[in-house]
Amino acid sequence: MKRNDPITHLMSRTVITAHHGDPISKVRALFREHGVHHIPVVNADQLIGIISWSDILRVSFGDAFQTDERAVDATLDHTLKLEQLMQKNPVTLPETSTVREAAELLAGGTFHALPIVSGTKLVGIVTTTDLIKYLLDQF
């Protein structure tokens, strides 16, 4: 493995984002539509948090009981705000970081996505899946 490869070789530059104030139903739709597991939350282009599919599942019990999605969305939209579910101030890496730095953080196992930033501006994302694919390419 090329430990000092820049994180830019690995990160996804096209990032699906939610925006400050979006209803939970919109965020659920983004997860379903794009098949992602982590969505950074931005205010304009500034990173303010991150939400995972697991965060959504934790509060949407209707998904477990085959409840109508519209009913689940309506309930969630009326009871919770995105800012209540998202992880505020997520761990990030600057775009000047290396693959090794990302691997060290993701190896801790407490989260599975790292927003990549330039200052506070979101410029990409790296997930554990991205890292595994990168490692596979090395062999």
N, C-alpha and C. Protein backbone atom coordinates (compact mmCIF):
# COMPACT_ATOMS: atom_id res chain seq x y z
N MET A 1 0.84 -1.18 0.00
CA MET A 1 0.00 0.00 0.00
C MET A 1 0.89 1.24 0.00
N LYS A 2 0.46 2.20 -0.72
CA LYS A 2 1.18 3.47 -0.77
C LYS A 2 0.63 4.35 0.35
N ARG A 3 1.29 4.27 1.51
CA ARG A 3 0.80 4.94 2.71
C ARG A 3 0.71 6.46 2.58
N ASN A 4 1.54 7.01 1.76
CA ASN A 4 1.56 8.46 1.65
C ASN A 4 0.77 8.99 0.46
N ASP A 5 0.00 8.11 -0.17
CA ASP A 5 -0.88 8.58 -1.25
C ASP A 5 -1.82 9.64 -0.68
N PRO A 6 -2.07 10.68 -1.44
CA PRO A 6 -3.00 11.70 -0.96
C PRO A 6 -4.43 11.16 -0.90
N ILE A 7 -5.17 11.66 0.04
CA ILE A 7 -6.56 11.24 0.22
C ILE A 7 -7.39 11.54 -1.03
N THR A 8 -6.95 12.51 -1.81
CA THR A 8 -7.67 12.87 -3.03
C THR A 8 -7.71 11.71 -4.04
N HIS A 9 -6.79 10.73 -3.94
CA HIS A 9 -6.82 9.56 -4.82
C HIS A 9 -7.95 8.62 -4.46
N LEU A 10 -8.46 8.75 -3.28
CA LEU A 10 -9.42 7.79 -2.73
C LEU A 10 -10.81 8.39 -2.55
N MET A 11 -10.90 9.65 -2.26
CA MET A 11 -12.18 10.25 -1.88
C MET A 11 -13.13 10.40 -3.05
N SER A 12 -14.40 10.39 -2.72
CA SER A 12 -15.45 10.69 -3.69
C SER A 12 -15.64 12.20 -3.68
N ARG A 13 -15.56 12.78 -4.86
CA ARG A 13 -15.74 14.24 -4.95
C ARG A 13 -17.20 14.62 -5.15
N THR A 14 -17.96 13.72 -5.70
CA THR A 14 -19.39 13.96 -5.87
C THR A 14 -20.07 13.43 -4.61
N VAL A 15 -20.48 14.35 -3.75
CA VAL A 15 -21.02 13.98 -2.46
C VAL A 15 -22.51 14.31 -2.41
N ILE A 16 -23.30 13.32 -2.03
CA ILE A 16 -24.73 13.55 -1.80
C ILE A 16 -24.82 14.25 -0.45
N THR A 17 -25.46 15.41 -0.41
CA THR A 17 -25.55 16.16 0.84
C THR A 17 -27.00 16.45 1.20
N ALA A 18 -27.22 16.62 2.49
CA ALA A 18 -28.48 17.17 3.00
C ALA A 18 -28.17 18.59 3.42
N HIS A 19 -29.20 19.39 3.48
CA HIS A 19 -29.00 20.79 3.81
C HIS A 19 -29.69 21.13 5.13
N HIS A 20 -29.04 22.00 5.88
CA HIS A 20 -29.58 22.48 7.15
C HIS A 20 -31.08 22.78 6.98
N GLY A 21 -31.90 22.19 7.81
CA GLY A 21 -33.33 22.44 7.76
C GLY A 21 -34.12 21.47 6.90
N ASP A 22 -33.45 20.58 6.15
CA ASP A 22 -34.18 19.60 5.34
C ASP A 22 -35.03 18.71 6.25
N PRO A 23 -36.23 18.35 5.80
CA PRO A 23 -37.03 17.41 6.58
C PRO A 23 -36.42 16.00 6.52
N ILE A 24 -36.68 15.21 7.54
CA ILE A 24 -36.17 13.84 7.60
C ILE A 24 -36.64 13.04 6.39
N SER A 25 -37.86 13.28 5.92
CA SER A 25 -38.37 12.55 4.75
C SER A 25 -37.48 12.77 3.53
N LYS A 26 -36.97 13.96 3.35
CA LYS A 26 -36.08 14.24 2.21
C LYS A 26 -34.77 13.48 2.37
N VAL A 27 -34.25 13.43 3.59
CA VAL A 27 -33.00 12.73 3.84
C VAL A 27 -33.19 11.23 3.61
N ARG A 28 -34.32 10.67 4.09
CA ARG A 28 -34.61 9.26 3.84
C ARG A 28 -34.67 8.98 2.34
N ALA A 29 -35.27 9.89 1.59
CA ALA A 29 -35.36 9.71 0.14
C ALA A 29 -33.97 9.74 -0.51
N LEU A 30 -33.09 10.60 -0.01
CA LEU A 30 -31.72 10.65 -0.54
C LEU A 30 -31.00 9.32 -0.30
N PHE A 31 -31.15 8.75 0.89
CA PHE A 31 -30.53 7.46 1.18
C PHE A 31 -31.05 6.39 0.21
N ARG A 32 -32.36 6.33 0.04
CA ARG A 32 -32.96 5.31 -0.83
C ARG A 32 -32.57 5.52 -2.29
N GLU A 33 -32.63 6.75 -2.74
CA GLU A 33 -32.37 7.06 -4.15
C GLU A 33 -30.92 6.80 -4.56
N HIS A 34 -29.99 7.13 -3.68
CA HIS A 34 -28.57 7.06 -4.05
C HIS A 34 -27.84 5.85 -3.48
N GLY A 35 -28.48 5.09 -2.60
CA GLY A 35 -27.85 3.89 -2.06
C GLY A 35 -26.62 4.15 -1.22
N VAL A 36 -26.54 5.33 -0.61
CA VAL A 36 -25.41 5.67 0.25
C VAL A 36 -25.76 5.35 1.70
N HIS A 37 -24.77 5.34 2.56
CA HIS A 37 -25.00 5.04 3.98
C HIS A 37 -24.66 6.22 4.88
N HIS A 38 -24.05 7.27 4.30
CA HIS A 38 -23.65 8.44 5.07
C HIS A 38 -23.91 9.68 4.22
N ILE A 39 -24.50 10.69 4.84
CA ILE A 39 -24.77 11.93 4.12
C ILE A 39 -24.30 13.11 4.97
N PRO A 40 -23.31 13.84 4.47
CA PRO A 40 -22.91 15.06 5.16
C PRO A 40 -24.04 16.09 5.12
N VAL A 41 -24.11 16.89 6.16
CA VAL A 41 -25.11 17.95 6.25
C VAL A 41 -24.37 19.27 6.13
N VAL A 42 -24.85 20.11 5.23
CA VAL A 42 -24.18 21.38 4.96
C VAL A 42 -25.13 22.55 5.15
N ASN A 43 -24.54 23.69 5.41
CA ASN A 43 -25.24 24.97 5.38
C ASN A 43 -24.48 25.78 4.35
N ALA A 44 -25.10 25.98 3.19
CA ALA A 44 -24.42 26.47 1.99
C ALA A 44 -23.38 25.40 1.64
N ASP A 45 -22.09 25.72 1.62
CA ASP A 45 -21.09 24.68 1.33
C ASP A 45 -20.26 24.34 2.57
N GLN A 46 -20.71 24.81 3.73
CA GLN A 46 -19.99 24.57 4.99
C GLN A 46 -20.52 23.31 5.67
N LEU A 47 -19.64 22.40 6.01
CA LEU A 47 -20.02 21.18 6.70
C LEU A 47 -20.46 21.50 8.13
N ILE A 48 -21.66 21.02 8.51
CA ILE A 48 -22.13 21.24 9.88
C ILE A 48 -22.44 19.93 10.60
N GLY A 49 -22.46 18.81 9.87
CA GLY A 49 -22.75 17.53 10.50
C GLY A 49 -22.74 16.40 9.50
N ILE A 50 -23.09 15.21 9.99
CA ILE A 50 -23.21 14.04 9.13
C ILE A 50 -24.30 13.15 9.72
N ILE A 51 -25.04 12.50 8.85
CA ILE A 51 -26.08 11.58 9.29
C ILE A 51 -25.87 10.25 8.57
N SER A 52 -26.11 9.16 9.27
CA SER A 52 -25.95 7.84 8.67
C SER A 52 -27.32 7.17 8.54
N TRP A 53 -27.37 6.16 7.70
CA TRP A 53 -28.59 5.38 7.55
C TRP A 53 -28.95 4.75 8.89
N SER A 54 -27.95 4.37 9.67
CA SER A 54 -28.21 3.80 11.01
C SER A 54 -28.90 4.81 11.91
N ASP A 55 -28.55 6.09 11.80
CA ASP A 55 -29.22 7.13 12.59
C ASP A 55 -30.70 7.19 12.25
N ILE A 56 -31.00 7.05 10.97
CA ILE A 56 -32.40 7.08 10.51
C ILE A 56 -33.14 5.83 11.00
N LEU A 57 -32.52 4.68 10.84
CA LEU A 57 -33.17 3.43 11.27
C LEU A 57 -33.47 3.42 12.76
N ARG A 58 -32.61 4.04 13.53
CA ARG A 58 -32.79 4.07 14.97
C ARG A 58 -34.11 4.73 15.37
N VAL A 59 -34.59 5.67 14.58
CA VAL A 59 -35.82 6.40 14.94
C VAL A 59 -37.02 6.06 14.07
N SER A 60 -36.83 5.28 13.02
CA SER A 60 -37.95 4.99 12.11
C SER A 60 -38.39 3.54 12.23
N PHE A 61 -38.99 3.24 13.36
CA PHE A 61 -39.43 1.88 13.63
C PHE A 61 -40.40 1.35 12.58
N GLY A 62 -41.09 2.24 11.89
CA GLY A 62 -42.04 1.82 10.87
C GLY A 62 -41.39 0.99 9.79
N ASP A 63 -40.11 1.26 9.50
CA ASP A 63 -39.40 0.49 8.49
C ASP A 63 -39.34 -0.99 8.86
N ALA A 64 -39.26 -1.28 10.15
CA ALA A 64 -39.15 -2.67 10.60
C ALA A 64 -40.47 -3.41 10.49
N PHE A 65 -41.58 -2.67 10.46
CA PHE A 65 -42.89 -3.31 10.46
C PHE A 65 -43.64 -3.14 9.15
N GLN A 66 -42.91 -2.81 8.09
CA GLN A 66 -43.50 -2.68 6.77
C GLN A 66 -44.62 -1.62 6.74
N THR A 67 -44.48 -0.59 7.55
CA THR A 67 -45.44 0.50 7.58
C THR A 67 -45.28 1.34 6.32
N ASP A 68 -46.38 1.93 5.88
CA ASP A 68 -46.38 2.80 4.71
C ASP A 68 -45.32 3.89 4.88
N GLU A 69 -44.43 4.05 3.90
CA GLU A 69 -43.33 5.01 3.99
C GLU A 69 -43.83 6.44 4.19
N ARG A 70 -44.97 6.77 3.59
CA ARG A 70 -45.50 8.13 3.76
C ARG A 70 -45.87 8.39 5.21
N ALA A 71 -46.40 7.37 5.87
CA ALA A 71 -46.76 7.52 7.29
C ALA A 71 -45.51 7.67 8.14
N VAL A 72 -44.48 6.89 7.84
CA VAL A 72 -43.21 7.00 8.57
C VAL A 72 -42.62 8.39 8.37
N ASP A 73 -42.58 8.85 7.10
CA ASP A 73 -42.03 10.18 6.80
C ASP A 73 -42.81 11.27 7.53
N ALA A 74 -44.12 11.20 7.49
CA ALA A 74 -44.94 12.23 8.14
C ALA A 74 -44.69 12.25 9.64
N THR A 75 -44.60 11.09 10.25
CA THR A 75 -44.35 11.02 11.69
C THR A 75 -42.99 11.61 12.03
N LEU A 76 -41.97 11.20 11.28
CA LEU A 76 -40.62 11.70 11.55
C LEU A 76 -40.52 13.21 11.31
N ASP A 77 -41.14 13.69 10.23
CA ASP A 77 -41.07 15.13 9.92
C ASP A 77 -41.73 15.97 11.01
N HIS A 78 -42.73 15.41 11.66
CA HIS A 78 -43.44 16.18 12.69
C HIS A 78 -42.85 16.03 14.08
N THR A 79 -41.96 15.07 14.26
CA THR A 79 -41.42 14.84 15.60
C THR A 79 -39.93 15.15 15.74
N LEU A 80 -39.18 15.12 14.64
CA LEU A 80 -37.74 15.31 14.72
C LEU A 80 -37.24 16.27 13.65
N LYS A 81 -36.15 16.91 13.97
CA LYS A 81 -35.45 17.75 13.00
C LYS A 81 -34.12 17.08 12.65
N LEU A 82 -33.65 17.34 11.45
CA LEU A 82 -32.39 16.78 10.99
C LEU A 82 -31.28 17.07 11.99
N GLU A 83 -31.26 18.28 12.51
CA GLU A 83 -30.21 18.68 13.44
C GLU A 83 -30.22 17.88 14.74
N GLN A 84 -31.37 17.27 15.07
CA GLN A 84 -31.45 16.43 16.26
C GLN A 84 -30.86 15.04 16.02
N LEU A 85 -30.88 14.58 14.78
CA LEU A 85 -30.39 13.25 14.44
C LEU A 85 -28.93 13.22 14.00
N MET A 86 -28.50 14.27 13.34
CA MET A 86 -27.16 14.26 12.77
C MET A 86 -26.09 14.34 13.85
N GLN A 87 -24.91 13.86 13.50
CA GLN A 87 -23.74 14.01 14.36
C GLN A 87 -23.16 15.39 14.06
N LYS A 88 -23.18 16.25 15.06
CA LYS A 88 -22.61 17.59 14.87
C LYS A 88 -21.10 17.51 15.02
N ASN A 89 -20.41 18.36 14.33
CA ASN A 89 -18.95 18.43 14.38
C ASN A 89 -18.29 17.07 14.15
N PRO A 90 -18.57 16.44 13.01
CA PRO A 90 -17.97 15.13 12.76
C PRO A 90 -16.46 15.22 12.59
N VAL A 91 -15.81 14.09 12.81
CA VAL A 91 -14.38 14.00 12.55
C VAL A 91 -14.20 14.19 11.04
N THR A 92 -13.24 15.02 10.67
CA THR A 92 -12.97 15.29 9.26
C THR A 92 -11.48 15.18 9.01
N LEU A 93 -11.14 15.19 7.74
CA LEU A 93 -9.73 15.27 7.33
C LEU A 93 -9.61 16.39 6.32
N PRO A 94 -8.49 17.14 6.38
CA PRO A 94 -8.26 18.14 5.34
C PRO A 94 -7.89 17.44 4.03
N GLU A 95 -8.15 18.09 2.94
CA GLU A 95 -7.88 17.49 1.62
C GLU A 95 -6.39 17.24 1.38
N THR A 96 -5.54 17.74 2.23
CA THR A 96 -4.10 17.52 2.12
C THR A 96 -3.65 16.26 2.87
N SER A 97 -4.58 15.54 3.45
CA SER A 97 -4.26 14.33 4.23
C SER A 97 -3.88 13.17 3.33
N THR A 98 -3.42 12.10 3.98
CA THR A 98 -3.01 10.90 3.26
C THR A 98 -4.00 9.77 3.49
N VAL A 99 -3.89 8.75 2.65
CA VAL A 99 -4.70 7.54 2.81
C VAL A 99 -4.43 6.92 4.18
N ARG A 100 -3.18 6.92 4.58
CA ARG A 100 -2.83 6.35 5.89
C ARG A 100 -3.58 7.05 7.02
N GLU A 101 -3.66 8.35 6.98
CA GLU A 101 -4.38 9.09 8.02
C GLU A 101 -5.86 8.71 8.05
N ALA A 102 -6.45 8.53 6.88
CA ALA A 102 -7.85 8.10 6.82
C ALA A 102 -8.00 6.69 7.39
N ALA A 103 -7.07 5.81 7.03
CA ALA A 103 -7.12 4.42 7.51
C ALA A 103 -7.00 4.37 9.03
N GLU A 104 -6.11 5.18 9.58
CA GLU A 104 -5.93 5.20 11.04
C GLU A 104 -7.21 5.63 11.74
N LEU A 105 -7.89 6.64 11.21
CA LEU A 105 -9.13 7.10 11.83
C LEU A 105 -10.27 6.08 11.66
N LEU A 106 -10.40 5.54 10.46
CA LEU A 106 -11.49 4.60 10.21
C LEU A 106 -11.27 3.26 10.91
N ALA A 107 -10.03 2.91 11.18
CA ALA A 107 -9.73 1.65 11.88
C ALA A 107 -10.26 1.65 13.30
N GLY A 108 -10.51 2.81 13.86
CA GLY A 108 -11.06 2.89 15.21
C GLY A 108 -12.44 2.27 15.32
N GLY A 109 -13.15 2.21 14.20
CA GLY A 109 -14.44 1.52 14.16
C GLY A 109 -15.61 2.25 14.78
N THR A 110 -15.44 3.49 15.20
CA THR A 110 -16.57 4.19 15.81
C THR A 110 -17.42 4.92 14.78
N PHE A 111 -16.91 5.08 13.58
CA PHE A 111 -17.67 5.66 12.47
C PHE A 111 -17.09 5.11 11.17
N HIS A 112 -17.82 5.30 10.08
CA HIS A 112 -17.44 4.67 8.82
C HIS A 112 -17.35 5.63 7.64
N ALA A 113 -17.35 6.92 7.94
CA ALA A 113 -17.23 7.91 6.87
C ALA A 113 -16.49 9.13 7.39
N LEU A 114 -15.64 9.66 6.55
CA LEU A 114 -14.85 10.85 6.88
C LEU A 114 -15.12 11.94 5.84
N PRO A 115 -15.79 13.00 6.23
CA PRO A 115 -15.89 14.13 5.30
C PRO A 115 -14.50 14.73 5.09
N ILE A 116 -14.22 15.10 3.86
CA ILE A 116 -12.94 15.72 3.52
C ILE A 116 -13.24 17.20 3.28
N VAL A 117 -12.45 18.05 3.93
CA VAL A 117 -12.74 19.48 3.90
C VAL A 117 -11.54 20.31 3.46
N SER A 118 -11.87 21.47 2.96
CA SER A 118 -10.89 22.52 2.70
C SER A 118 -11.34 23.67 3.60
N GLY A 119 -10.68 23.82 4.74
CA GLY A 119 -11.19 24.74 5.76
C GLY A 119 -12.44 24.11 6.36
N THR A 120 -13.58 24.76 6.21
CA THR A 120 -14.85 24.16 6.64
C THR A 120 -15.72 23.78 5.45
N LYS A 121 -15.20 23.97 4.24
CA LYS A 121 -15.95 23.65 3.03
C LYS A 121 -15.81 22.16 2.72
N LEU A 122 -16.92 21.49 2.53
CA LEU A 122 -16.93 20.07 2.16
C LEU A 122 -16.46 19.91 0.72
N VAL A 123 -15.43 19.05 0.52
CA VAL A 123 -14.92 18.83 -0.83
C VAL A 123 -14.95 17.36 -1.24
N GLY A 124 -15.26 16.46 -0.29
CA GLY A 124 -15.31 15.04 -0.61
C GLY A 124 -15.68 14.22 0.60
N ILE A 125 -15.68 12.90 0.40
CA ILE A 125 -15.96 11.98 1.50
C ILE A 125 -15.20 10.68 1.24
N VAL A 126 -14.76 10.06 2.31
CA VAL A 126 -14.10 8.75 2.24
C VAL A 126 -14.83 7.83 3.21
N THR A 127 -15.18 6.64 2.75
CA THR A 127 -15.84 5.66 3.61
C THR A 127 -14.95 4.43 3.77
N THR A 128 -15.33 3.58 4.70
CA THR A 128 -14.58 2.33 4.88
C THR A 128 -14.63 1.50 3.60
N THR A 129 -15.73 1.56 2.89
CA THR A 129 -15.84 0.83 1.62
C THR A 129 -14.84 1.37 0.60
N ASP A 130 -14.68 2.68 0.53
CA ASP A 130 -13.69 3.28 -0.37
C ASP A 130 -12.29 2.79 -0.03
N LEU A 131 -12.01 2.73 1.26
CA LEU A 131 -10.69 2.29 1.71
C LEU A 131 -10.44 0.82 1.36
N ILE A 132 -11.43 -0.02 1.55
CA ILE A 132 -11.28 -1.45 1.21
C ILE A 132 -11.07 -1.62 -0.29
N LYS A 133 -11.82 -0.89 -1.11
CA LYS A 133 -11.63 -0.96 -2.56
C LYS A 133 -10.23 -0.50 -2.96
N TYR A 134 -9.76 0.54 -2.31
CA TYR A 134 -8.40 1.03 -2.56
C TYR A 134 -7.37 -0.04 -2.23
N LEU A 135 -7.54 -0.69 -1.09
CA LEU A 135 -6.61 -1.76 -0.69
C LEU A 135 -6.66 -2.92 -1.67
N LEU A 136 -7.83 -3.27 -2.14
CA LEU A 136 -7.94 -4.36 -3.11
C LEU A 136 -7.20 -4.03 -4.41
N ASP A 137 -7.23 -2.78 -4.81
CA ASP A 137 -6.51 -2.37 -6.01
C ASP A 137 -5.00 -2.50 -5.86
N GLN A 138 -4.52 -2.55 -4.62
CA GLN A 138 -3.09 -2.65 -4.37
C GLN A 138 -2.56 -4.08 -4.57
N PHE A 139 -3.50 -5.05 -4.61
CA PHE A 139 -3.08 -6.46 -4.71
C PHE A 139 -3.38 -7.05 -6.06
